[in-house]
Amino acid sequence: MNKVFLLPLVLVMLFMYLIERKSLKAAPAVNRWVSRVLYVISMGIWIYGTSTKSSVYAATWLSRFIDMWLPPAL
């Protein structure tokens, strides 16, 4: 458990959002929502990874998601 790193990571994410706020306002609406959703998802992953004793990595989630479309092994 690394709760010590949780606050600096959240602050860095907030700082990045504040820096890019000007360019996000100029972007199309779809791009703004995608960027905001990605910020929230990444903050959620950091919070989950630092606040629980066991963590599941995003690559594990993606591999299970991709396995649905792969053909069965020969």
PDB file of N, CA and C in Angstrom:
ATOM      1  N   MET A   1       0.829  -1.177   0.000  1.00  0.00           N
ATOM      2  CA  MET A   1       0.000   0.000   0.000  1.00  0.00           C
ATOM      3  C   MET A   1       0.882   1.253   0.000  1.00  0.00           C
ATOM      4  N   ASN A   2       0.743   2.064  -1.002  1.00  0.00           N
ATOM      5  CA  ASN A   2       1.529   3.288  -1.109  1.00  0.00           C
ATOM      6  C   ASN A   2       0.619   4.503  -1.098  1.00  0.00           C
ATOM      7  N   LYS A   3      -0.020   4.759   0.012  1.00  0.00           N
ATOM      8  CA  LYS A   3      -0.906   5.920   0.090  1.00  0.00           C
ATOM      9  C   LYS A   3      -0.132   7.226   0.096  1.00  0.00           C
ATOM     10  N   VAL A   4       1.159   7.138   0.379  1.00  0.00           N
ATOM     11  CA  VAL A   4       1.993   8.345   0.379  1.00  0.00           C
ATOM     12  C   VAL A   4       2.056   8.939  -1.026  1.00  0.00           C
ATOM     13  N   PHE A   5       2.021   8.080  -2.051  1.00  0.00           N
ATOM     14  CA  PHE A   5       2.129   8.553  -3.429  1.00  0.00           C
ATOM     15  C   PHE A   5       0.784   8.973  -4.017  1.00  0.00           C
ATOM     16  N   LEU A   6      -0.296   8.715  -3.326  1.00  0.00           N
ATOM     17  CA  LEU A   6      -1.615   9.011  -3.870  1.00  0.00           C
ATOM     18  C   LEU A   6      -1.841  10.503  -4.050  1.00  0.00           C
ATOM     19  N   LEU A   7      -1.579  11.297  -3.053  1.00  0.00           N
ATOM     20  CA  LEU A   7      -1.818  12.739  -3.146  1.00  0.00           C
ATOM     21  C   LEU A   7      -0.960  13.409  -4.217  1.00  0.00           C
ATOM     22  N   PRO A   8       0.356  13.150  -4.292  1.00  0.00           N
ATOM     23  CA  PRO A   8       1.126  13.793  -5.365  1.00  0.00           C
ATOM     24  C   PRO A   8       0.657  13.406  -6.761  1.00  0.00           C
ATOM     25  N   LEU A   9       0.240  12.157  -6.938  1.00  0.00           N
ATOM     26  CA  LEU A   9      -0.227  11.744  -8.265  1.00  0.00           C
ATOM     27  C   LEU A   9      -1.529  12.436  -8.643  1.00  0.00           C
ATOM     28  N   VAL A  10      -2.425  12.547  -7.708  1.00  0.00           N
ATOM     29  CA  VAL A  10      -3.677  13.246  -7.982  1.00  0.00           C
ATOM     30  C   VAL A  10      -3.406  14.720  -8.245  1.00  0.00           C
ATOM     31  N   LEU A  11      -2.489  15.313  -7.502  1.00  0.00           N
ATOM     32  CA  LEU A  11      -2.144  16.718  -7.726  1.00  0.00           C
ATOM     33  C   LEU A  11      -1.495  16.926  -9.094  1.00  0.00           C
ATOM     34  N   VAL A  12      -0.658  16.002  -9.516  1.00  0.00           N
ATOM     35  CA  VAL A  12      -0.035  16.111 -10.838  1.00  0.00           C
ATOM     36  C   VAL A  12      -1.086  15.995 -11.940  1.00  0.00           C
ATOM     37  N   MET A  13      -2.037  15.071 -11.774  1.00  0.00           N
ATOM     38  CA  MET A  13      -3.101  14.938 -12.762  1.00  0.00           C
ATOM     39  C   MET A  13      -3.940  16.222 -12.829  1.00  0.00           C
ATOM     40  N   LEU A  14      -4.239  16.799 -11.689  1.00  0.00           N
ATOM     41  CA  LEU A  14      -4.992  18.044 -11.655  1.00  0.00           C
ATOM     42  C   LEU A  14      -4.195  19.178 -12.297  1.00  0.00           C
ATOM     43  N   PHE A  15      -2.904  19.229 -12.024  1.00  0.00           N
ATOM     44  CA  PHE A  15      -2.038  20.245 -12.616  1.00  0.00           C
ATOM     45  C   PHE A  15      -1.986  20.095 -14.138  1.00  0.00           C
ATOM     46  N   MET A  16      -1.883  18.851 -14.628  1.00  0.00           N
ATOM     47  CA  MET A  16      -1.879  18.617 -16.074  1.00  0.00           C
ATOM     48  C   MET A  16      -3.191  19.076 -16.699  1.00  0.00           C
ATOM     49  N   TYR A  17      -4.290  18.785 -16.030  1.00  0.00           N
ATOM     50  CA  TYR A  17      -5.590  19.210 -16.555  1.00  0.00           C
ATOM     51  C   TYR A  17      -5.676  20.731 -16.613  1.00  0.00           C
ATOM     52  N   LEU A  18      -5.189  21.409 -15.580  1.00  0.00           N
ATOM     53  CA  LEU A  18      -5.240  22.865 -15.565  1.00  0.00           C
ATOM     54  C   LEU A  18      -4.367  23.471 -16.657  1.00  0.00           C
ATOM     55  N   ILE A  19      -3.234  22.844 -16.931  1.00  0.00           N
ATOM     56  CA  ILE A  19      -2.359  23.339 -17.996  1.00  0.00           C
ATOM     57  C   ILE A  19      -3.017  23.172 -19.362  1.00  0.00           C
ATOM     58  N   GLU A  20      -3.660  22.032 -19.593  1.00  0.00           N
ATOM     59  CA  GLU A  20      -4.250  21.743 -20.896  1.00  0.00           C
ATOM     60  C   GLU A  20      -5.677  22.269 -21.042  1.00  0.00           C
ATOM     61  N   ARG A  21      -6.178  22.937 -20.032  1.00  0.00           N
ATOM     62  CA  ARG A  21      -7.551  23.431 -20.066  1.00  0.00           C
ATOM     63  C   ARG A  21      -7.788  24.358 -21.249  1.00  0.00           C
ATOM     64  N   LYS A  22      -6.820  25.203 -21.561  1.00  0.00           N
ATOM     65  CA  LYS A  22      -6.983  26.156 -22.659  1.00  0.00           C
ATOM     66  C   LYS A  22      -7.090  25.439 -24.000  1.00  0.00           C
ATOM     67  N   SER A  23      -6.234  24.439 -24.220  1.00  0.00           N
ATOM     68  CA  SER A  23      -6.297  23.713 -25.491  1.00  0.00           C
ATOM     69  C   SER A  23      -7.513  22.796 -25.550  1.00  0.00           C
ATOM     70  N   LEU A  24      -7.988  22.319 -24.398  1.00  0.00           N
ATOM     71  CA  LEU A  24      -9.186  21.484 -24.397  1.00  0.00           C
ATOM     72  C   LEU A  24     -10.431  22.288 -24.761  1.00  0.00           C
ATOM     73  N   LYS A  25     -10.473  23.542 -24.369  1.00  0.00           N
ATOM     74  CA  LYS A  25     -11.628  24.374 -24.711  1.00  0.00           C
ATOM     75  C   LYS A  25     -11.708  24.612 -26.209  1.00  0.00           C
ATOM     76  N   ALA A  26     -10.560  24.643 -26.883  1.00  0.00           N
ATOM     77  CA  ALA A  26     -10.542  24.876 -28.324  1.00  0.00           C
ATOM     78  C   ALA A  26     -10.808  23.602 -29.118  1.00  0.00           C
ATOM     79  N   ALA A  27     -10.761  22.457 -28.485  1.00  0.00           N
ATOM     80  CA  ALA A  27     -10.965  21.185 -29.175  1.00  0.00           C
ATOM     81  C   ALA A  27     -12.456  20.935 -29.394  1.00  0.00           C
ATOM     82  N   PRO A  28     -12.774  20.074 -30.368  1.00  0.00           N
ATOM     83  CA  PRO A  28     -14.183  19.711 -30.564  1.00  0.00           C
ATOM     84  C   PRO A  28     -14.757  19.039 -29.317  1.00  0.00           C
ATOM     85  N   ALA A  29     -16.065  19.053 -29.204  1.00  0.00           N
ATOM     86  CA  ALA A  29     -16.731  18.553 -28.003  1.00  0.00           C
ATOM     87  C   ALA A  29     -16.416  17.085 -27.735  1.00  0.00           C
ATOM     88  N   VAL A  30     -16.346  16.273 -28.777  1.00  0.00           N
ATOM     89  CA  VAL A  30     -16.064  14.846 -28.582  1.00  0.00           C
ATOM     90  C   VAL A  30     -14.673  14.666 -27.982  1.00  0.00           C
ATOM     91  N   ASN A  31     -13.707  15.401 -28.477  1.00  0.00           N
ATOM     92  CA  ASN A  31     -12.349  15.288 -27.953  1.00  0.00           C
ATOM     93  C   ASN A  31     -12.259  15.753 -26.504  1.00  0.00           C
ATOM     94  N   ARG A  32     -13.035  16.760 -26.150  1.00  0.00           N
ATOM     95  CA  ARG A  32     -13.039  17.219 -24.755  1.00  0.00           C
ATOM     96  C   ARG A  32     -13.550  16.125 -23.831  1.00  0.00           C
ATOM     97  N   TRP A  33     -14.644  15.471 -24.227  1.00  0.00           N
ATOM     98  CA  TRP A  33     -15.201  14.431 -23.371  1.00  0.00           C
ATOM     99  C   TRP A  33     -14.287  13.224 -23.285  1.00  0.00           C
ATOM    100  N   VAL A  34     -13.661  12.857 -24.392  1.00  0.00           N
ATOM    101  CA  VAL A  34     -12.725  11.731 -24.373  1.00  0.00           C
ATOM    102  C   VAL A  34     -11.558  12.043 -23.444  1.00  0.00           C
ATOM    103  N   SER A  35     -11.032  13.257 -23.526  1.00  0.00           N
ATOM    104  CA  SER A  35      -9.918  13.639 -22.659  1.00  0.00           C
ATOM    105  C   SER A  35     -10.322  13.618 -21.194  1.00  0.00           C
ATOM    106  N   ARG A  36     -11.486  14.143 -20.886  1.00  0.00           N
ATOM    107  CA  ARG A  36     -11.930  14.161 -19.493  1.00  0.00           C
ATOM    108  C   ARG A  36     -12.181  12.761 -18.969  1.00  0.00           C
ATOM    109  N   VAL A  37     -12.764  11.902 -19.794  1.00  0.00           N
ATOM    110  CA  VAL A  37     -13.002  10.516 -19.366  1.00  0.00           C
ATOM    111  C   VAL A  37     -11.683   9.805 -19.124  1.00  0.00           C
ATOM    112  N   LEU A  38     -10.700  10.023 -19.992  1.00  0.00           N
ATOM    113  CA  LEU A  38      -9.385   9.400 -19.798  1.00  0.00           C
ATOM    114  C   LEU A  38      -8.710   9.899 -18.529  1.00  0.00           C
ATOM    115  N   TYR A  39      -8.857  11.177 -18.220  1.00  0.00           N
ATOM    116  CA  TYR A  39      -8.312  11.704 -16.964  1.00  0.00           C
ATOM    117  C   TYR A  39      -8.948  11.007 -15.767  1.00  0.00           C
ATOM    118  N   VAL A  40     -10.259  10.881 -15.788  1.00  0.00           N
ATOM    119  CA  VAL A  40     -10.962  10.256 -14.654  1.00  0.00           C
ATOM    120  C   VAL A  40     -10.589   8.783 -14.536  1.00  0.00           C
ATOM    121  N   ILE A  41     -10.521   8.075 -15.657  1.00  0.00           N
ATOM    122  CA  ILE A  41     -10.156   6.656 -15.626  1.00  0.00           C
ATOM    123  C   ILE A  41      -8.739   6.483 -15.091  1.00  0.00           C
ATOM    124  N   SER A  42      -7.808   7.308 -15.561  1.00  0.00           N
ATOM    125  CA  SER A  42      -6.427   7.162 -15.099  1.00  0.00           C
ATOM    126  C   SER A  42      -6.301   7.492 -13.620  1.00  0.00           C
ATOM    127  N   MET A  43      -7.035   8.495 -13.149  1.00  0.00           N
ATOM    128  CA  MET A  43      -7.004   8.790 -11.714  1.00  0.00           C
ATOM    129  C   MET A  43      -7.609   7.642 -10.917  1.00  0.00           C
ATOM    130  N   GLY A  44      -8.667   7.036 -11.442  1.00  0.00           N
ATOM    131  CA  GLY A  44      -9.269   5.886 -10.765  1.00  0.00           C
ATOM    132  C   GLY A  44      -8.322   4.712 -10.684  1.00  0.00           C
ATOM    133  N   ILE A  45      -7.561   4.462 -11.755  1.00  0.00           N
ATOM    134  CA  ILE A  45      -6.585   3.369 -11.745  1.00  0.00           C
ATOM    135  C   ILE A  45      -5.495   3.641 -10.719  1.00  0.00           C
ATOM    136  N   TRP A  46      -5.005   4.888 -10.656  1.00  0.00           N
ATOM    137  CA  TRP A  46      -3.976   5.220  -9.667  1.00  0.00           C
ATOM    138  C   TRP A  46      -4.498   5.064  -8.244  1.00  0.00           C
ATOM    139  N   ILE A  47      -5.712   5.527  -8.012  1.00  0.00           N
ATOM    140  CA  ILE A  47      -6.281   5.412  -6.665  1.00  0.00           C
ATOM    141  C   ILE A  47      -6.475   3.951  -6.304  1.00  0.00           C
ATOM    142  N   TYR A  48      -6.984   3.162  -7.225  1.00  0.00           N
ATOM    143  CA  TYR A  48      -7.190   1.735  -6.967  1.00  0.00           C
ATOM    144  C   TYR A  48      -5.861   1.029  -6.713  1.00  0.00           C
ATOM    145  N   GLY A  49      -4.867   1.337  -7.532  1.00  0.00           N
ATOM    146  CA  GLY A  49      -3.576   0.679  -7.401  1.00  0.00           C
ATOM    147  C   GLY A  49      -2.825   1.036  -6.139  1.00  0.00           C
ATOM    148  N   THR A  50      -3.053   2.225  -5.629  1.00  0.00           N
ATOM    149  CA  THR A  50      -2.330   2.634  -4.433  1.00  0.00           C
ATOM    150  C   THR A  50      -3.104   2.420  -3.146  1.00  0.00           C
ATOM    151  N   SER A  51      -4.409   2.162  -3.242  1.00  0.00           N
ATOM    152  CA  SER A  51      -5.196   2.057  -2.019  1.00  0.00           C
ATOM    153  C   SER A  51      -5.593   0.634  -1.652  1.00  0.00           C
ATOM    154  N   THR A  52      -5.359  -0.324  -2.522  1.00  0.00           N
ATOM    155  CA  THR A  52      -5.725  -1.703  -2.203  1.00  0.00           C
ATOM    156  C   THR A  52      -4.479  -2.556  -2.050  1.00  0.00           C
ATOM    157  N   LYS A  53      -4.628  -3.665  -1.351  1.00  0.00           N
ATOM    158  CA  LYS A  53      -3.487  -4.556  -1.159  1.00  0.00           C
ATOM    159  C   LYS A  53      -3.181  -5.355  -2.424  1.00  0.00           C
ATOM    160  N   SER A  54      -4.209  -5.705  -3.156  1.00  0.00           N
ATOM    161  CA  SER A  54      -3.991  -6.416  -4.418  1.00  0.00           C
ATOM    162  C   SER A  54      -4.491  -5.542  -5.550  1.00  0.00           C
ATOM    163  N   SER A  55      -3.760  -5.520  -6.621  1.00  0.00           N
ATOM    164  CA  SER A  55      -4.172  -4.692  -7.742  1.00  0.00           C
ATOM    165  C   SER A  55      -4.244  -5.533  -9.007  1.00  0.00           C
ATOM    166  N   VAL A  56      -5.164  -5.173  -9.865  1.00  0.00           N
ATOM    167  CA  VAL A  56      -5.301  -5.799 -11.168  1.00  0.00           C
ATOM    168  C   VAL A  56      -4.829  -4.768 -12.177  1.00  0.00           C
ATOM    169  N   TYR A  57      -3.918  -5.157 -13.032  1.00  0.00           N
ATOM    170  CA  TYR A  57      -3.345  -4.212 -13.975  1.00  0.00           C
ATOM    171  C   TYR A  57      -4.244  -4.030 -15.192  1.00  0.00           C
ATOM    172  N   ALA A  58      -4.159  -2.867 -15.803  1.00  0.00           N
ATOM    173  CA  ALA A  58      -4.995  -2.555 -16.961  1.00  0.00           C
ATOM    174  C   ALA A  58      -4.717  -3.522 -18.107  1.00  0.00           C
ATOM    175  N   ALA A  59      -3.484  -3.981 -18.242  1.00  0.00           N
ATOM    176  CA  ALA A  59      -3.160  -4.933 -19.310  1.00  0.00           C
ATOM    177  C   ALA A  59      -3.939  -6.231 -19.131  1.00  0.00           C
ATOM    178  N   THR A  60      -4.184  -6.636 -17.903  1.00  0.00           N
ATOM    179  CA  THR A  60      -4.964  -7.844 -17.650  1.00  0.00           C
ATOM    180  C   THR A  60      -6.399  -7.641 -18.097  1.00  0.00           C
ATOM    181  N   TRP A  61      -6.975  -6.493 -17.796  1.00  0.00           N
ATOM    182  CA  TRP A  61      -8.337  -6.202 -18.237  1.00  0.00           C
ATOM    183  C   TRP A  61      -8.411  -6.174 -19.759  1.00  0.00           C
ATOM    184  N   LEU A  62      -7.441  -5.519 -20.395  1.00  0.00           N
ATOM    185  CA  LEU A  62      -7.450  -5.423 -21.851  1.00  0.00           C
ATOM    186  C   LEU A  62      -7.277  -6.786 -22.512  1.00  0.00           C
ATOM    187  N   SER A  63      -6.423  -7.627 -21.949  1.00  0.00           N
ATOM    188  CA  SER A  63      -6.216  -8.944 -22.561  1.00  0.00           C
ATOM    189  C   SER A  63      -7.481  -9.788 -22.485  1.00  0.00           C
ATOM    190  N   ARG A  64      -8.220  -9.701 -21.401  1.00  0.00           N
ATOM    191  CA  ARG A  64      -9.480 -10.443 -21.307  1.00  0.00           C
ATOM    192  C   ARG A  64     -10.525  -9.876 -22.251  1.00  0.00           C
ATOM    193  N   PHE A  65     -10.510  -8.582 -22.455  1.00  0.00           N
ATOM    194  CA  PHE A  65     -11.441  -7.949 -23.381  1.00  0.00           C
ATOM    195  C   PHE A  65     -11.118  -8.342 -24.824  1.00  0.00           C
ATOM    196  N   ILE A  66      -9.835  -8.376 -25.158  1.00  0.00           N
ATOM    197  CA  ILE A  66      -9.413  -8.729 -26.521  1.00  0.00           C
ATOM    198  C   ILE A  66      -9.638 -10.212 -26.793  1.00  0.00           C
ATOM    199  N   ASP A  67      -9.519 -11.049 -25.780  1.00  0.00           N
ATOM    200  CA  ASP A  67      -9.709 -12.494 -25.964  1.00  0.00           C
ATOM    201  C   ASP A  67     -11.091 -12.844 -26.495  1.00  0.00           C
ATOM    202  N   MET A  68     -12.062 -12.007 -26.260  1.00  0.00           N
ATOM    203  CA  MET A  68     -13.415 -12.293 -26.750  1.00  0.00           C
ATOM    204  C   MET A  68     -13.460 -12.352 -28.277  1.00  0.00           C
ATOM    205  N   TRP A  69     -12.626 -11.568 -28.966  1.00  0.00           N
ATOM    206  CA  TRP A  69     -12.648 -11.518 -30.415  1.00  0.00           C
ATOM    207  C   TRP A  69     -11.591 -12.377 -31.085  1.00  0.00           C
ATOM    208  N   LEU A  70     -10.707 -12.957 -30.324  1.00  0.00           N
ATOM    209  CA  LEU A  70      -9.688 -13.810 -30.927  1.00  0.00           C
ATOM    210  C   LEU A  70     -10.272 -15.184 -31.226  1.00  0.00           C
ATOM    211  N   PRO A  71      -9.814 -15.801 -32.314  1.00  0.00           N
ATOM    212  CA  PRO A  71     -10.305 -17.166 -32.610  1.00  0.00           C
ATOM    213  C   PRO A  71      -9.742 -18.146 -31.582  1.00  0.00           C
ATOM    214  N   PRO A  72     -10.421 -19.275 -31.365  1.00  0.00           N
ATOM    215  CA  PRO A  72      -9.896 -20.250 -30.419  1.00  0.00           C
ATOM    216  C   PRO A  72      -8.555 -20.816 -30.887  1.00  0.00           C
ATOM    217  N   ALA A  73      -7.766 -21.255 -29.927  1.00  0.00           N
ATOM    218  CA  ALA A  73      -6.443 -21.825 -30.256  1.00  0.00           C
ATOM    219  C   ALA A  73      -6.613 -23.091 -31.087  1.00  0.00           C
ATOM    220  N   LEU A  74      -5.664 -23.322 -31.955  1.00  0.00           N
ATOM    221  CA  LEU A  74      -5.739 -24.508 -32.824  1.00  0.00           C
ATOM    222  C   LEU A  74      -5.452 -25.765 -32.080  1.00  0.00           C
TER     223      LEU A  74
END
